[in-house]
Protein backbone atom coordinates (compact mmCIF):
# COMPACT_ATOMS: atom_id res chain seq x y z
CA UNK A 1 0.83 -11.37 -38.91
CA UNK A 2 4.30 -10.71 -37.41
CA UNK A 3 6.00 -13.03 -39.97
CA UNK A 4 5.53 -16.27 -38.06
CA UNK A 5 6.30 -14.98 -34.55
CA UNK A 6 4.01 -16.74 -32.07
CA UNK A 7 5.64 -16.46 -28.62
CA UNK A 8 5.35 -13.05 -26.95
CA UNK A 9 6.50 -12.29 -23.40
CA UNK A 10 5.36 -9.25 -21.36
CA UNK A 11 7.51 -7.87 -18.54
CA UNK A 12 5.24 -6.02 -16.11
CA UNK A 13 2.17 -7.65 -17.62
CA UNK A 14 -0.11 -6.45 -14.82
CA UNK A 15 0.36 -2.79 -15.72
CA UNK A 16 -2.66 -0.81 -16.91
CA UNK A 17 -1.16 -0.27 -20.34
CA UNK A 18 0.16 -3.81 -20.74
CA UNK A 19 -2.62 -6.18 -19.73
CA UNK A 20 -5.05 -5.11 -22.46
CA UNK A 21 -2.50 -5.61 -25.24
CA UNK A 22 -1.57 -9.01 -23.80
CA UNK A 23 -5.23 -10.04 -23.71
CA UNK A 24 -5.83 -9.01 -27.33
CA UNK A 25 -2.77 -10.94 -28.54
CA UNK A 26 -3.88 -13.98 -26.52
CA UNK A 27 -7.31 -13.79 -28.15
CA UNK A 28 -5.56 -13.59 -31.53
CA UNK A 29 -4.07 -17.02 -30.73
CA UNK A 30 -0.54 -15.91 -29.92
CA UNK A 31 1.22 -17.72 -27.10
CA UNK A 32 1.46 -14.99 -24.46
CA UNK A 33 3.42 -15.23 -21.22
CA UNK A 34 4.24 -12.58 -18.66
CA UNK A 35 5.93 -11.69 -15.43
CA UNK A 36 5.19 -9.20 -12.68
CA UNK A 37 6.44 -8.41 -9.20
CA UNK A 38 3.02 -8.45 -7.56
CA UNK A 39 -0.32 -10.21 -7.70
CA UNK A 40 -3.45 -8.23 -8.61
CA UNK A 41 -6.99 -8.64 -9.88
CA UNK A 42 -5.63 -7.98 -13.36
CA UNK A 43 -3.10 -10.80 -13.05
CA UNK A 44 -5.83 -13.16 -11.84
CA UNK A 45 -8.03 -12.15 -14.80
CA UNK A 46 -5.25 -12.89 -17.30
CA UNK A 47 -4.49 -16.22 -15.65
CA UNK A 48 -8.16 -17.20 -15.90
CA UNK A 49 -7.88 -16.59 -19.64
CA UNK A 50 -5.07 -19.14 -19.77
CA UNK A 51 -2.04 -16.83 -19.87
CA UNK A 52 1.02 -18.15 -18.02
CA UNK A 53 2.27 -15.46 -15.62
CA UNK A 54 5.33 -15.71 -13.37
CA UNK A 55 5.61 -13.82 -10.10
CA UNK A 56 8.95 -12.04 -10.02
CA UNK A 57 11.56 -11.61 -12.73
CA UNK A 58 13.99 -14.33 -13.81
CA UNK A 59 15.86 -15.28 -16.98
CA UNK A 60 13.97 -18.59 -16.87
CA UNK A 61 10.70 -16.76 -17.53
CA UNK A 62 11.65 -16.00 -21.13
CA UNK A 63 11.31 -19.61 -22.26
CA UNK A 64 10.91 -19.73 -26.05
CA UNK A 65 9.96 -16.05 -26.36
CA UNK A 66 10.50 -14.50 -29.78
CA UNK A 67 9.73 -10.91 -28.78
CA UNK A 68 9.62 -9.17 -25.40
CA UNK A 69 7.28 -6.29 -24.56
CA UNK A 70 8.26 -4.03 -21.66
CA UNK A 71 6.32 -1.42 -19.73
CA UNK A 72 7.69 2.05 -19.02
CA UNK A 73 8.20 1.13 -15.37
CA UNK A 74 10.60 -1.73 -16.18
CA UNK A 75 14.28 -0.63 -16.09
CA UNK A 76 16.92 -1.88 -18.52
CA UNK A 77 18.62 -3.56 -15.56
CA UNK A 78 15.75 -6.07 -15.34
CA UNK A 79 17.26 -9.59 -15.65
CA UNK A 80 14.73 -10.64 -18.29
CA UNK A 81 15.62 -7.68 -20.49
CA UNK A 82 19.33 -8.34 -20.07
CA UNK A 83 18.83 -12.00 -21.02
CA UNK A 84 16.58 -11.15 -23.97
CA UNK A 85 19.20 -8.81 -25.41
CA UNK A 86 21.93 -11.38 -24.83
CA UNK A 87 19.85 -13.86 -26.85
CA UNK A 88 19.13 -11.21 -29.53
CA UNK A 89 15.40 -11.32 -28.78
CA UNK A 90 13.76 -8.00 -29.80
CA UNK A 91 12.72 -5.88 -26.79
CA UNK A 92 10.02 -3.33 -27.60
CA UNK A 93 7.92 -0.83 -25.67
CA UNK A 94 4.21 -1.47 -25.24
CA UNK A 95 3.28 1.39 -27.60
CA UNK A 96 5.26 -0.26 -30.41
CA UNK A 97 3.19 -3.42 -30.04
CA UNK A 98 0.01 -1.35 -29.88
CA UNK A 99 1.15 0.42 -33.03
CA UNK A 100 1.49 -2.89 -34.85
CA UNK A 101 -2.04 -3.87 -33.84
CA UNK A 102 -3.37 -0.47 -34.87
CA UNK A 103 -1.59 -0.62 -38.23
CA UNK A 104 -4.02 -3.33 -39.32
CA UNK A 105 -7.10 -1.33 -38.26
CA UNK A 106 -8.74 2.10 -38.42
CA UNK A 107 -7.23 3.41 -35.21
CA UNK A 108 -8.87 5.85 -32.82
CA UNK A 109 -6.19 6.95 -30.34
CA UNK A 110 -6.99 9.05 -27.29
CA UNK A 111 -4.16 11.25 -25.98
CA UNK A 112 -3.98 13.88 -23.25
CA UNK A 113 -2.52 14.30 -19.80
CA UNK A 114 -5.89 13.75 -18.11
CA UNK A 115 -9.11 12.02 -19.12
CA UNK A 116 -7.66 9.49 -21.56
CA UNK A 117 -9.09 6.40 -19.92
CA UNK A 118 -12.57 7.84 -19.42
CA UNK A 119 -12.75 9.24 -22.96
CA UNK A 120 -11.49 5.96 -24.43
CA UNK A 121 -14.08 3.96 -22.51
CA UNK A 122 -16.87 6.35 -23.56
CA UNK A 123 -15.99 6.03 -27.24
CA UNK A 124 -15.72 2.25 -26.85
CA UNK A 125 -19.17 2.16 -25.23
CA UNK A 126 -20.71 4.24 -28.01
CA UNK A 127 -19.23 2.20 -30.86
CA UNK A 128 -20.23 -1.01 -29.07
CA UNK A 129 -23.89 0.01 -28.77
CA UNK A 130 -23.81 1.45 -32.29
CA UNK A 131 -23.06 -2.06 -33.55
CA UNK A 132 -19.49 -1.43 -34.72
CA UNK A 133 -17.94 -4.21 -32.57
CA UNK A 134 -14.60 -2.42 -32.09
CA UNK A 135 -11.36 -3.81 -30.72
CA UNK A 136 -10.68 -1.91 -27.50
CA UNK A 137 -7.58 -1.47 -25.32
CA UNK A 138 -8.12 0.70 -22.22
CA UNK A 139 -5.95 1.69 -19.26
CA UNK A 140 -8.77 0.86 -16.86
CA UNK A 141 -11.34 -1.90 -16.49
CA UNK A 142 -14.58 -1.09 -18.30
CA UNK A 143 -17.44 -2.92 -16.61
CA UNK A 144 -19.26 -3.25 -19.96
CA UNK A 145 -16.55 -5.70 -21.04
CA UNK A 146 -15.38 -6.77 -17.58
CA UNK A 147 -11.84 -6.18 -18.77
CA UNK A 148 -9.22 -3.72 -20.02
CA UNK A 149 -9.64 -5.05 -23.55
CA UNK A 150 -11.97 -6.59 -26.10
CA UNK A 151 -11.22 -8.16 -29.47
CA UNK A 152 -13.80 -7.02 -32.01
CA UNK A 153 -14.54 -7.97 -35.60
CA UNK A 154 -14.81 -4.52 -37.18
CA UNK A 155 -12.08 -2.33 -38.67
CA UNK A 156 -11.98 -0.04 -35.62
CA UNK A 157 -9.39 -0.23 -32.84
CA UNK A 158 -9.87 2.20 -29.93
CA UNK A 159 -6.94 2.72 -27.57
CA UNK A 160 -5.23 5.14 -25.24
CA UNK A 161 -2.15 6.91 -26.54
CA UNK A 162 0.17 7.13 -23.54
CA UNK A 163 2.42 10.17 -23.69
CA UNK A 164 4.46 9.35 -20.56
CA UNK A 165 7.58 8.17 -22.43
CA UNK A 166 6.93 9.69 -25.86
CA UNK A 167 6.07 6.30 -27.33
CA UNK A 168 2.58 7.45 -28.39
CA UNK A 169 4.34 8.92 -31.41
CA UNK A 170 4.85 5.38 -32.70
CA UNK A 171 1.08 5.17 -33.31
CA UNK A 172 -0.53 6.04 -36.64
CA UNK A 173 -4.25 6.40 -35.91
CA UNK A 174 -6.85 7.62 -38.37
CA UNK A 175 -8.48 9.63 -35.57
CA UNK A 176 -6.63 11.29 -32.71
CA UNK A 177 -8.20 12.89 -29.63
CA UNK A 178 -6.31 15.33 -27.39
CA UNK A 179 -8.15 16.01 -24.14
CA UNK A 180 -5.62 18.45 -22.65
CA UNK A 181 -1.90 19.16 -22.24
CA UNK A 182 -0.38 19.49 -18.76
CA UNK A 183 3.08 19.46 -17.19
CA UNK A 184 3.32 15.80 -16.26
CA UNK A 185 6.20 13.39 -17.05
CA UNK A 186 8.79 16.17 -16.90
CA UNK A 187 11.29 13.52 -15.79
CA UNK A 188 11.16 12.16 -19.35
CA UNK A 189 10.59 15.30 -21.44
CA UNK A 190 12.77 17.73 -19.51
CA UNK A 191 10.57 20.76 -20.17
CA UNK A 192 6.94 21.68 -20.72
CA UNK A 193 7.81 22.93 -24.21
CA UNK A 194 8.95 19.42 -25.16
CA UNK A 195 5.64 18.03 -23.92
CA UNK A 196 3.69 20.47 -26.08
CA UNK A 197 5.90 19.64 -29.07
CA UNK A 198 5.08 15.94 -28.64
CA UNK A 199 1.33 16.57 -28.76
CA UNK A 200 1.73 18.76 -31.85
CA UNK A 201 3.64 15.94 -33.53
CA UNK A 202 0.91 13.48 -32.53
CA UNK A 203 -1.81 15.63 -34.15
CA UNK A 204 0.25 16.26 -37.26
CA UNK A 205 0.74 12.51 -37.85
CA UNK A 206 -2.97 12.06 -38.59
CA UNK A 207 -3.44 11.01 -42.27
CA UNK A 208 -5.20 13.20 -44.82
CA UNK A 209 -8.39 11.12 -44.57
CA UNK A 210 -8.55 11.33 -40.77
CA UNK A 211 -8.96 14.07 -38.18
CA UNK A 212 -8.10 15.17 -34.66
CA UNK A 213 -10.70 16.05 -32.04
CA UNK A 214 -9.23 18.51 -29.53
CA UNK A 215 -10.40 20.38 -26.43
CA UNK A 216 -10.53 24.12 -27.07
CA UNK A 217 -11.04 24.87 -23.37
CA UNK A 218 -7.48 23.84 -22.58
CA UNK A 219 -5.17 26.90 -22.65
CA UNK A 220 -2.13 24.92 -23.72
CA UNK A 221 -4.02 23.42 -26.66
CA UNK A 222 -5.07 26.95 -27.64
CA UNK A 223 -1.40 27.90 -27.55
CA UNK A 224 -0.30 25.18 -30.01
CA UNK A 225 -3.37 25.35 -32.28
CA UNK A 226 -1.64 27.49 -34.97
CA UNK A 227 1.01 24.77 -35.34
CA UNK A 228 -1.46 22.03 -36.34
CA UNK A 229 -1.32 21.21 -40.05
CA UNK A 230 -3.90 18.42 -40.35
CA UNK A 231 -7.71 18.42 -40.18
CA UNK A 232 -9.15 18.92 -36.70
CA UNK A 233 -12.45 19.61 -34.96
CA UNK A 234 -12.81 21.21 -31.53
CA UNK A 235 -15.00 20.75 -28.48
CA UNK A 236 -15.51 22.67 -25.26
CA UNK A 237 -17.72 24.43 -22.75
CA UNK A 238 -16.23 27.89 -22.27
CA UNK A 239 -15.00 28.72 -25.78
CA UNK A 240 -16.53 28.91 -29.23
CA UNK A 241 -15.75 25.32 -30.23
CA UNK A 242 -17.29 23.22 -33.01
CA UNK A 243 -19.02 20.92 -30.50
CA UNK A 244 -20.27 22.66 -27.35
CA UNK A 245 -22.18 21.78 -24.20
CA UNK A 246 -24.63 24.42 -22.99
CA UNK A 247 -27.33 24.57 -20.30
CA UNK A 248 -25.32 22.18 -18.11
CA UNK A 249 -27.01 20.73 -15.01
CA UNK A 250 -24.91 18.59 -12.65
CA UNK A 251 -26.75 16.51 -10.04
CA UNK A 252 -25.66 13.78 -7.66
CA UNK A 253 -26.65 10.94 -9.98
CA UNK A 254 -26.59 12.44 -13.47
CA UNK A 255 -25.45 15.32 -15.66
CA UNK A 256 -27.48 16.95 -18.42
CA UNK A 257 -26.63 19.40 -21.19
CA UNK A 258 -27.61 20.46 -24.69
CA UNK A 259 -25.18 19.56 -27.46
CA UNK A 260 -24.48 22.18 -30.13
CA UNK A 261 -22.61 21.94 -33.43
CA UNK A 262 -21.32 25.36 -34.52
CA UNK A 263 -24.13 27.15 -32.62
CA UNK A 264 -26.82 24.80 -33.97
CA UNK A 265 -28.68 22.72 -31.38
CA UNK A 266 -28.29 18.99 -32.02
CA UNK A 267 -30.16 17.68 -28.98
CA UNK A 268 -30.14 16.93 -25.23
CA UNK A 269 -27.53 14.65 -23.64
CA UNK A 270 -27.81 12.81 -20.32
CA UNK A 271 -24.85 11.26 -18.51
CA UNK A 272 -25.04 8.77 -15.65
CA UNK A 273 -21.73 10.04 -14.24
CA UNK A 274 -21.51 13.53 -12.67
CA UNK A 275 -18.93 16.28 -13.12
CA UNK A 276 -17.68 18.97 -15.48
CA UNK A 277 -14.75 16.79 -16.54
CA UNK A 278 -17.24 14.10 -17.54
CA UNK A 279 -19.02 16.64 -19.75
CA UNK A 280 -15.76 17.51 -21.53
CA UNK A 281 -14.87 13.85 -22.02
CA UNK A 282 -18.34 13.14 -23.41
CA UNK A 283 -17.93 16.05 -25.85
CA UNK A 284 -14.77 14.41 -27.20
CA UNK A 285 -16.77 11.21 -27.60
CA UNK A 286 -19.63 13.11 -29.26
CA UNK A 287 -17.38 14.87 -31.75
CA UNK A 288 -15.58 11.66 -32.67
CA UNK A 289 -18.76 9.58 -32.93
CA UNK A 290 -20.75 12.02 -35.04
CA UNK A 291 -17.78 12.74 -37.28
CA UNK A 292 -17.36 9.03 -38.16
CA UNK A 293 -21.04 8.78 -39.04
CA UNK A 294 -22.88 7.68 -35.89
CA UNK A 295 -26.33 9.26 -35.61
CA UNK A 296 -26.97 11.60 -32.68
CA UNK A 297 -29.83 9.46 -31.33
CA UNK A 298 -27.55 6.42 -31.23
CA UNK A 299 -24.81 8.45 -29.53
CA UNK A 300 -27.20 9.88 -26.91
CA UNK A 301 -28.66 6.48 -26.02
CA UNK A 302 -25.22 4.89 -25.79
CA UNK A 303 -23.54 7.61 -23.72
CA UNK A 304 -26.38 7.45 -21.19
CA UNK A 305 -25.59 3.75 -20.69
CA UNK A 306 -21.98 4.58 -19.81
CA UNK A 307 -21.60 3.95 -16.07
CA UNK A 308 -17.97 4.77 -15.47
CA UNK A 309 -14.74 2.89 -14.90
CA UNK A 310 -13.08 0.79 -12.25
CA UNK A 311 -11.17 3.18 -9.92
CA UNK A 312 -12.59 6.36 -11.47
CA UNK A 313 -14.79 7.89 -8.75
CA UNK A 314 -15.89 4.30 -8.13
CA UNK A 315 -18.33 3.71 -5.27
CA UNK A 316 -16.88 0.97 -3.07
CA UNK A 317 -19.53 0.74 -0.34
CA UNK A 318 -20.02 2.17 3.15
CA UNK A 319 -17.85 2.17 6.27
CA UNK A 320 -19.42 3.26 9.58
CA UNK A 321 -22.13 5.08 7.65
CA UNK A 322 -19.73 6.92 5.34
CA UNK A 323 -19.79 6.32 1.59
CA UNK A 324 -16.38 5.28 0.27
CA UNK A 325 -15.12 6.05 -3.25
CA UNK A 326 -11.92 5.06 -5.03
CA UNK A 327 -10.23 7.22 -7.66
CA UNK A 328 -6.96 6.66 -9.53
CA UNK A 329 -6.19 10.35 -10.17
CA UNK A 330 -2.67 11.21 -9.01
CA UNK A 331 -1.78 14.48 -10.80
CA UNK A 332 -2.71 17.73 -8.98
CA UNK A 333 -5.05 18.74 -11.81
CA UNK A 334 -6.88 15.41 -11.61
CA UNK A 335 -7.15 15.69 -7.84
CA UNK A 336 -8.64 19.18 -8.06
CA UNK A 337 -11.17 18.02 -10.66
CA UNK A 338 -12.26 14.98 -8.64
CA UNK A 339 -12.61 16.88 -5.37
CA UNK A 340 -14.50 19.70 -7.08
CA UNK A 341 -16.95 17.15 -8.48
CA UNK A 342 -17.53 15.61 -5.05
CA UNK A 343 -17.96 19.04 -3.50
CA UNK A 344 -20.52 19.95 -6.17
CA UNK A 345 -22.73 16.88 -5.86
CA UNK A 346 -22.19 15.69 -2.27
CA UNK A 347 -23.49 17.58 0.76
CA UNK A 348 -21.69 15.67 3.50
CA UNK A 349 -18.23 16.14 4.95
CA UNK A 350 -15.45 15.01 2.61
CA UNK A 351 -12.45 13.06 3.94
CA UNK A 352 -9.65 12.29 1.48
CA UNK A 353 -6.87 9.70 1.74
CA UNK A 354 -4.14 10.31 -0.83
CA UNK A 355 -1.21 8.08 -1.73
CA UNK A 356 1.30 10.00 -3.91
CA UNK A 357 2.31 8.15 -7.09
CA UNK A 358 5.98 8.07 -8.16
CA UNK A 359 8.87 9.85 -6.44
CA UNK A 360 9.76 11.82 -9.58
CA UNK A 361 6.24 13.20 -10.04
CA UNK A 362 6.04 14.12 -6.36
CA UNK A 363 9.33 16.00 -6.54
CA UNK A 364 8.52 17.87 -9.75
CA UNK A 365 4.95 18.84 -8.79
CA UNK A 366 5.39 19.29 -5.04
CA UNK A 367 4.12 22.88 -4.89
CA UNK A 368 1.14 22.02 -7.09
CA UNK A 369 0.19 19.27 -4.64
CA UNK A 370 0.33 21.97 -1.99
CA UNK A 371 -2.77 23.67 -3.42
CA UNK A 372 -4.66 20.65 -4.80
CA UNK A 373 -6.75 19.69 -1.78
CA UNK A 374 -8.68 22.82 -0.81
CA UNK A 375 -12.03 21.16 -1.63
CA UNK A 376 -11.70 18.45 1.00
CA UNK A 377 -12.56 18.85 4.67
CA UNK A 378 -9.92 16.48 5.98
CA UNK A 379 -6.83 14.98 4.37
CA UNK A 380 -4.57 12.02 5.13
CA UNK A 381 -1.31 11.52 3.20
CA UNK A 382 0.37 8.09 3.07
CA UNK A 383 3.80 7.00 1.87
CA UNK A 384 4.58 7.28 -1.85
CA UNK A 385 3.73 4.43 -4.23
CA UNK A 386 7.00 3.94 -6.19
CA UNK A 387 5.56 2.45 -9.42
CA UNK A 388 8.93 0.86 -10.11
CA UNK A 389 11.00 3.94 -9.27
CA UNK A 390 13.88 4.09 -6.81
CA UNK A 391 13.36 6.42 -3.82
CA UNK A 392 14.62 9.99 -4.08
CA UNK A 393 16.25 11.14 -0.82
CA UNK A 394 13.99 13.54 1.05
CA UNK A 395 10.94 12.96 -1.18
CA UNK A 396 8.38 11.35 1.12
CA UNK A 397 4.71 11.39 1.96
CA UNK A 398 5.55 13.43 5.05
CA UNK A 399 7.11 16.09 2.80
CA UNK A 400 3.87 16.25 0.80
CA UNK A 401 1.86 16.72 4.00
CA UNK A 402 4.23 19.43 5.25
CA UNK A 403 4.06 21.22 1.89
CA UNK A 404 0.26 21.21 1.96
CA UNK A 405 0.37 22.73 5.46
CA UNK A 406 2.83 25.35 4.21
CA UNK A 407 0.25 26.44 1.64
CA UNK A 408 -2.28 27.08 4.40
CA UNK A 409 -4.31 23.85 4.50
CA UNK A 410 -4.22 22.74 8.14
CA UNK A 411 -6.54 19.66 8.41
CA UNK A 412 -3.88 17.34 6.97
CA UNK A 413 -2.09 14.45 8.66
CA UNK A 414 0.58 11.97 7.61
CA UNK A 415 0.03 8.24 8.19
CA UNK A 416 2.70 6.18 6.45
CA UNK A 417 0.90 2.83 6.38
CA UNK A 418 -2.57 2.79 4.78
CA UNK A 419 -3.59 -0.11 7.04
CA UNK A 420 -3.20 2.13 10.09
CA UNK A 421 -5.82 4.61 8.87
CA UNK A 422 -8.82 2.48 9.85
CA UNK A 423 -7.55 1.78 13.36
């Protein structure tokens, strides 16, 4: 594999899309090193595995590296990238490395603006309990594995297909899932039409023996459906899809529905995680699982065991009698979905603390943030998390708070430092 290359260096190794790939390569007996600007639980996990990780970026970190993998957040001005190119060491994006791993397997790639991580982890859980022993690379930590990744022995590799920089088009999966298409990452694509074109290209790369599983409830997917040229199946709640959920009941601790295939009842499904979005993600998992030959009974038992992801509506504990949850969602659509779920299943007052993610996203979607928080009773906005970006003049957390007020939501305040909130 890789024609004798053994030494692989990751710049930004702690990133959600990087750490899983690094862990898989380490478990495949490659010598993996990495660097990152900050410490995190992910970095500590990788170090415990025996991976050498440097804090900060320096030309010395490259050592004997034969290939360098970079995350989207790492600029070309990074000293390690400059040194690697000076030494003629190949520098590739994370999706290219994922594509090489997937090339040796039957790939199941999950794409979509929202719901990728949850859907990926659901499919991984199902194939695990079905006895398939898949290789898994997820953008969040799945408690079932205690990690972002797992090296399996079967022919299946399940992974997220990250559309943020277009690099998901370097993947060649046998099965592709598209959960939805939304107007994120406009800083890269330039227009929403380019985003839709990218997802069409992703679906049309599926080989003749594979298929796509796509959400028919999404209006933008409906729009591009006539342009798809390869085999696909559909799922949804509100439209006449191939796989449908009906008789949905959402409670505080579980969700129930009946699964139908082309108007024929297959059987009841129970989920341990609440919310309409969870139902849609489980339908993608159902369609994929049943289509590759997993029996419904096996699917139903496995999906019930799925307990969610780290930082996806994750219960953290209690503070002064209030239950505290953590959620990674940072796009206005994701925020609306999460808050709607809490409003549906929780009876108490809802207080939300939101840290905007990326200056570019905040600037492009500012008005959408203005209407995203109507389902909370109180809102606190903090300063923007840069995620490797340089500040944009005038784009601040205070601007987000002022915009939300402009759209008529008054119980919002701006507190720059998160540590000040608890005082």
